[in-house]
Amino acid sequence: MSQPQGQTLEPNTANRYEISRRDLPLHCPVPGMSLWNAHPQVYLPIEAQNGEARCPYCGTLYILKD
């Protein structure tokens, strides 16, 4: 998951993100998201769940692509 350098993402604006193994361990909100208006950070066991994990707070689906 990449973003322009120096910019933060708004949390929970998309309901599906593709991530790579370099993004592990996975947590929601992900690094680079502004945290002031996000839910508490929660770690998601994506590798134990067949490469997909859904955040229990916001419902965002994360898919492991490699």
Protein backbone atom coordinates (compact mmCIF):
# COMPACT_ATOMS: atom_id res chain seq x y z
CA MET A 1 0.00 0.00 0.00
CA SER A 2 1.70 3.19 -1.10
CA GLN A 3 0.91 6.85 -0.81
CA PRO A 4 2.49 10.10 -1.94
CA GLN A 5 5.32 11.06 0.39
CA GLY A 6 4.42 13.74 2.91
CA GLN A 7 0.68 13.18 2.60
CA THR A 8 -1.61 11.42 5.03
CA LEU A 9 -4.62 9.36 4.05
CA GLU A 10 -8.01 10.00 5.53
CA PRO A 11 -8.92 6.97 7.64
CA ASN A 12 -11.68 4.65 6.52
CA THR A 13 -12.32 6.40 3.19
CA ALA A 14 -12.09 3.16 1.20
CA ASN A 15 -13.67 -0.12 2.18
CA ARG A 16 -11.05 -2.31 0.47
CA TYR A 17 -7.25 -2.11 0.48
CA GLU A 18 -4.69 -4.39 -1.14
CA ILE A 19 -1.54 -4.80 0.92
CA SER A 20 1.77 -6.63 0.50
CA ARG A 21 3.89 -8.63 2.93
CA ARG A 22 6.09 -5.58 3.52
CA ASP A 23 3.04 -3.95 5.18
CA LEU A 24 2.87 -6.67 7.85
CA PRO A 25 2.04 -6.78 10.68
CA LEU A 26 -1.26 -5.36 9.51
CA HIS A 27 -3.23 -2.97 11.64
CA CYS A 28 -6.15 -0.66 11.00
CA PRO A 29 -5.87 2.27 10.61
CA VAL A 30 -2.71 1.70 8.55
CA PRO A 31 0.44 3.83 8.80
CA GLY A 32 0.07 7.11 6.97
CA MET A 33 -3.57 7.62 7.91
CA SER A 34 -4.37 10.59 10.06
CA LEU A 35 -5.30 9.26 13.47
CA TRP A 36 -7.15 12.14 15.05
CA ASN A 37 -10.53 11.00 13.69
CA ALA A 38 -9.95 7.24 13.41
CA HIS A 39 -10.97 4.33 15.59
CA PRO A 40 -8.48 2.70 18.00
CA GLN A 41 -5.67 0.79 16.32
CA VAL A 42 -6.37 -2.93 16.01
CA TYR A 43 -4.02 -5.61 14.65
CA LEU A 44 -5.52 -7.94 12.04
CA PRO A 45 -4.27 -11.54 11.61
CA ILE A 46 -4.45 -11.51 7.81
CA GLU A 47 -2.03 -14.41 7.29
CA ALA A 48 -4.10 -16.69 9.50
CA GLN A 49 -7.29 -15.80 7.61
CA ASN A 50 -6.47 -16.97 4.06
CA GLY A 51 -5.05 -13.61 3.00
CA GLU A 52 -8.10 -11.53 3.88
CA ALA A 53 -9.04 -9.68 7.04
CA ARG A 54 -11.86 -7.31 7.93
CA CYS A 55 -11.55 -4.57 10.56
CA PRO A 56 -14.07 -5.09 13.36
CA TYR A 57 -14.41 -1.32 13.88
CA CYS A 58 -14.89 0.12 10.40
CA GLY A 59 -15.48 -2.98 8.26
CA THR A 60 -12.59 -2.27 5.88
CA LEU A 61 -11.48 -5.37 3.98
CA TYR A 62 -7.74 -5.94 3.59
CA ILE A 63 -6.42 -8.36 0.96
CA LEU A 64 -2.87 -9.71 0.98
CA LYS A 65 -1.64 -9.62 -2.63
CA ASP A 66 1.77 -11.35 -2.41
